[in-house]
Amino acid sequence: LHPLQRLVIANVMDALDPADPGADGDEPPARQAVILPTGAGKSVCFQLPALLAPGITVAVYPLIGLMSDQARRLDGRGIKSVTLRGGMDAGEREAAFSALGDGSARLALVNPETLAVPRVLERLAAMDISHLAVDEAHCVSEWGDSFRPAYLRLGDAVKALAPAVVTAFTATASEPVLARVAELLFQGLPYRLVMGSPDRPNIRYRVEPTL
């Protein structure tokens, strides 16, 4: 693990420690914003705790393609996850909830629109949700305020699921975007910020004058 990965994972695991009085659901969830450049291994920061800690991790993705890619990668490593998305029939959705209920899957991949469906949220809220991880969290601000209002309702999901920890992951976020993410996901409460350098020495931008 890279040092910042270790720090983020340690923060999550500390929040899920049964000896922590805030881990029993009576206190607001631990809040963490993570800004790491693309390729820095943000997914590991919630996938590894999902395997080590009790409870279910719900990971929110903006695109079905990203969810499918993560499910494929997890399956390739022998890690069972379930995907909750639009267009699933009743049997597929029931199989997903059964896998979460019997513990054979501890990681649920969802998109904001599905998480906003009352019957889905109710079923998840009845389970032991330990960690809500929002990947590509800048979409909360950049898309929620424009064409995907379901992102604006993620705060309602936090209240309904009552996870021990909520983490927002993104590769880049300006101060206004981060403030909006904190407002919607963390209800304006204090949070930990883990931020790596955005510098990627293997990437260069240049202009080539041409005719």
Protein backbone atom coordinates (compact mmCIF):
# COMPACT_ATOMS: atom_id res chain seq x y z
CA LEU A 1 0.00 0.00 0.00
CA HIS A 2 1.06 3.56 -0.65
CA PRO A 3 1.33 5.79 2.45
CA LEU A 4 -1.85 7.74 1.66
CA GLN A 5 -3.74 4.51 0.98
CA ARG A 6 -2.63 3.24 4.38
CA LEU A 7 -3.81 6.47 6.02
CA VAL A 8 -7.25 6.38 4.38
CA ILE A 9 -7.74 2.69 5.18
CA ALA A 10 -6.60 3.22 8.78
CA ASN A 11 -9.16 6.02 9.16
CA VAL A 12 -11.91 3.74 7.87
CA MET A 13 -10.88 0.81 10.04
CA ASP A 14 -10.64 3.01 13.13
CA ALA A 15 -14.21 4.20 12.51
CA LEU A 16 -15.38 0.59 12.18
CA ASP A 17 -13.61 -0.55 15.35
CA PRO A 18 -16.28 -1.99 17.72
CA ALA A 19 -14.32 -0.51 20.62
CA ASP A 20 -14.97 2.97 19.20
CA PRO A 21 -18.08 4.41 20.90
CA GLY A 22 -18.96 6.17 17.64
CA ALA A 23 -19.14 2.88 15.74
CA ASP A 24 -22.46 1.77 17.22
CA GLY A 25 -24.63 4.06 15.12
CA ASP A 26 -25.49 6.45 17.96
CA GLU A 27 -23.05 9.07 16.72
CA PRO A 28 -22.80 10.80 13.32
CA PRO A 29 -20.66 8.83 10.87
CA ALA A 30 -16.96 9.50 10.60
CA ARG A 31 -16.43 11.71 7.57
CA GLN A 32 -13.49 11.64 5.19
CA ALA A 33 -12.77 13.32 1.85
CA VAL A 34 -10.03 11.70 -0.22
CA ILE A 35 -8.42 13.48 -3.18
CA LEU A 36 -5.91 11.22 -4.91
CA PRO A 37 -4.85 11.40 -8.56
CA THR A 38 -6.14 8.91 -11.09
CA GLY A 39 -4.28 5.62 -10.77
CA ALA A 40 -3.41 6.14 -7.09
CA GLY A 41 -5.61 3.24 -5.99
CA LYS A 42 -8.66 4.91 -4.46
CA SER A 43 -10.82 1.81 -4.94
CA VAL A 44 -8.53 -0.24 -2.70
CA CYS A 45 -9.26 2.24 0.09
CA PHE A 46 -12.83 0.97 0.42
CA GLN A 47 -12.53 -2.51 -1.08
CA LEU A 48 -9.93 -3.69 1.44
CA PRO A 49 -11.88 -2.51 4.51
CA ALA A 50 -14.96 -4.19 3.03
CA LEU A 51 -13.12 -7.52 3.29
CA LEU A 52 -11.60 -6.89 6.72
CA ALA A 53 -14.37 -5.18 8.68
CA PRO A 54 -17.86 -6.39 9.57
CA GLY A 55 -20.88 -5.01 7.80
CA ILE A 56 -21.58 -4.03 4.21
CA THR A 57 -19.83 -1.40 2.12
CA VAL A 58 -22.01 0.51 -0.33
CA ALA A 59 -19.98 2.09 -3.13
CA VAL A 60 -21.69 4.75 -5.25
CA TYR A 61 -20.54 5.16 -8.86
CA PRO A 62 -21.70 7.69 -11.45
CA LEU A 63 -21.70 5.33 -14.45
CA ILE A 64 -22.91 1.78 -15.00
CA GLY A 65 -19.77 1.18 -17.05
CA LEU A 66 -17.61 1.92 -14.01
CA MET A 67 -19.74 -0.36 -11.85
CA SER A 68 -19.44 -3.19 -14.39
CA ASP A 69 -15.68 -2.71 -14.66
CA GLN A 70 -15.25 -2.81 -10.88
CA ALA A 71 -17.47 -5.90 -10.61
CA ARG A 72 -15.40 -7.62 -13.30
CA ARG A 73 -12.13 -6.76 -11.54
CA LEU A 74 -13.44 -7.93 -8.17
CA ASP A 75 -14.75 -11.15 -9.66
CA GLY A 76 -11.35 -11.74 -11.23
CA ARG A 77 -9.83 -11.61 -7.75
CA GLY A 78 -12.41 -13.98 -6.32
CA ILE A 79 -14.21 -11.20 -4.42
CA LYS A 80 -17.99 -11.38 -4.62
CA SER A 81 -19.90 -8.12 -5.00
CA VAL A 82 -23.43 -7.27 -6.04
CA THR A 83 -24.58 -4.56 -8.43
CA LEU A 84 -27.79 -2.62 -7.89
CA ARG A 85 -28.83 -0.61 -10.94
CA GLY A 86 -31.84 0.31 -13.01
CA GLY A 87 -33.26 -2.28 -15.37
CA MET A 88 -32.82 -5.26 -13.05
CA ASP A 89 -35.75 -7.65 -12.83
CA ALA A 90 -37.21 -8.72 -9.50
CA GLY A 91 -35.25 -11.99 -9.45
CA GLU A 92 -31.91 -10.29 -10.08
CA ARG A 93 -32.51 -7.70 -7.39
CA GLU A 94 -33.68 -10.32 -4.87
CA ALA A 95 -30.58 -12.42 -5.56
CA ALA A 96 -28.42 -9.37 -4.87
CA PHE A 97 -30.12 -8.63 -1.56
CA SER A 98 -29.91 -12.31 -0.58
CA ALA A 99 -26.15 -12.29 -1.17
CA LEU A 100 -25.81 -9.22 1.03
CA GLY A 101 -28.09 -10.70 3.66
CA ASP A 102 -26.28 -14.04 3.99
CA GLY A 103 -22.84 -12.42 3.98
CA SER A 104 -21.60 -14.01 0.77
CA ALA A 105 -21.22 -10.48 -0.63
CA ARG A 106 -20.14 -7.53 1.49
CA LEU A 107 -19.74 -4.93 -1.22
CA ALA A 108 -22.70 -3.38 -3.06
CA LEU A 109 -22.06 -1.28 -6.17
CA VAL A 110 -24.86 1.21 -6.82
CA ASN A 111 -25.60 4.40 -8.72
CA PRO A 112 -27.30 7.44 -7.13
CA GLU A 113 -30.59 6.93 -8.95
CA THR A 114 -30.97 3.36 -7.69
CA LEU A 115 -30.00 4.39 -4.17
CA ALA A 116 -32.78 6.99 -4.29
CA VAL A 117 -35.44 4.32 -4.99
CA PRO A 118 -37.36 3.97 -1.69
CA ARG A 119 -37.67 0.16 -1.74
CA VAL A 120 -33.94 -0.22 -2.45
CA LEU A 121 -32.97 2.20 0.29
CA GLU A 122 -35.32 0.52 2.75
CA ARG A 123 -33.85 -2.92 2.06
CA LEU A 124 -30.31 -1.65 2.48
CA ALA A 125 -31.20 0.33 5.61
CA ALA A 126 -32.42 -2.89 7.22
CA MET A 127 -28.92 -4.33 6.83
CA ASP A 128 -25.69 -3.54 8.65
CA ILE A 129 -24.16 -0.85 6.43
CA SER A 130 -20.74 0.00 7.75
CA HIS A 131 -19.27 2.23 5.03
CA LEU A 132 -20.77 4.46 2.34
CA ALA A 133 -18.10 5.29 -0.23
CA VAL A 134 -18.88 7.78 -3.00
CA ASP A 135 -16.47 7.40 -5.92
CA GLU A 136 -15.96 10.27 -8.38
CA ALA A 137 -17.41 12.47 -5.66
CA HIS A 138 -16.98 15.68 -7.66
CA CYS A 139 -20.11 14.53 -9.53
CA VAL A 140 -22.10 15.37 -6.39
CA SER A 141 -21.54 19.03 -7.20
CA GLU A 142 -20.90 19.10 -10.93
CA TRP A 143 -23.77 16.78 -11.89
CA GLY A 144 -26.12 17.02 -8.92
CA ASP A 145 -26.72 20.70 -9.47
CA SER A 146 -27.34 20.25 -13.19
CA PHE A 147 -28.78 17.06 -14.69
CA ARG A 148 -28.61 14.31 -12.05
CA PRO A 149 -30.58 15.49 -9.01
CA ALA A 150 -30.29 12.04 -7.39
CA TYR A 151 -26.81 13.14 -6.29
CA LEU A 152 -28.43 15.84 -4.18
CA ARG A 153 -30.30 13.13 -2.25
CA LEU A 154 -27.20 11.24 -1.13
CA GLY A 155 -27.43 13.04 2.18
CA ASP A 156 -30.81 11.38 2.69
CA ALA A 157 -29.16 8.02 1.97
CA VAL A 158 -26.52 8.74 4.61
CA LYS A 159 -29.23 9.38 7.18
CA ALA A 160 -31.23 6.29 6.19
CA LEU A 161 -28.31 3.86 6.05
CA ALA A 162 -26.55 5.28 9.14
CA PRO A 163 -23.10 3.96 8.20
CA ALA A 164 -20.23 4.22 10.63
CA VAL A 165 -18.14 6.05 8.05
CA VAL A 166 -18.81 8.08 4.90
CA THR A 167 -15.97 8.68 2.47
CA ALA A 168 -15.91 10.83 -0.66
CA PHE A 169 -13.28 9.87 -3.26
CA THR A 170 -12.22 11.99 -6.21
CA ALA A 171 -9.14 12.62 -8.32
CA THR A 172 -9.54 16.38 -8.27
CA ALA A 173 -11.77 18.92 -6.59
CA SER A 174 -11.60 22.70 -6.38
CA GLU A 175 -12.43 24.35 -3.07
CA PRO A 176 -16.01 25.20 -4.13
CA VAL A 177 -16.61 21.63 -5.33
CA LEU A 178 -15.18 20.21 -2.11
CA ALA A 179 -17.35 22.58 -0.07
CA ARG A 180 -20.45 21.43 -1.96
CA VAL A 181 -19.53 17.77 -1.45
CA ALA A 182 -19.06 18.41 2.26
CA GLU A 183 -22.41 20.20 2.44
CA LEU A 184 -24.36 17.41 0.74
CA LEU A 185 -22.56 14.32 2.04
CA PHE A 186 -21.27 15.44 5.43
CA GLN A 187 -24.13 17.80 6.36
CA GLY A 188 -21.58 20.57 6.89
CA LEU A 189 -19.94 18.73 9.80
CA PRO A 190 -16.15 18.58 10.21
CA TYR A 191 -14.34 15.95 8.17
CA ARG A 192 -10.86 14.61 7.53
CA LEU A 193 -9.21 15.60 4.29
CA VAL A 194 -6.58 13.32 2.76
CA MET A 195 -5.05 14.86 -0.35
CA GLY A 196 -2.18 13.70 -2.51
CA SER A 197 -0.23 15.75 -5.01
CA PRO A 198 -1.97 16.03 -8.39
CA ASP A 199 1.39 16.14 -10.15
CA ARG A 200 1.81 13.26 -12.59
CA PRO A 201 5.38 13.38 -13.89
CA ASN A 202 4.55 10.86 -16.61
CA ILE A 203 1.93 13.19 -18.13
CA ARG A 204 2.82 16.28 -20.15
CA TYR A 205 0.73 18.87 -21.93
CA ARG A 206 2.27 20.84 -24.77
CA VAL A 207 1.30 22.89 -27.78
CA GLU A 208 2.73 22.10 -31.20
CA PRO A 209 2.34 25.00 -33.67
CA THR A 210 1.17 23.60 -37.00
CA LEU A 211 0.07 24.92 -40.36
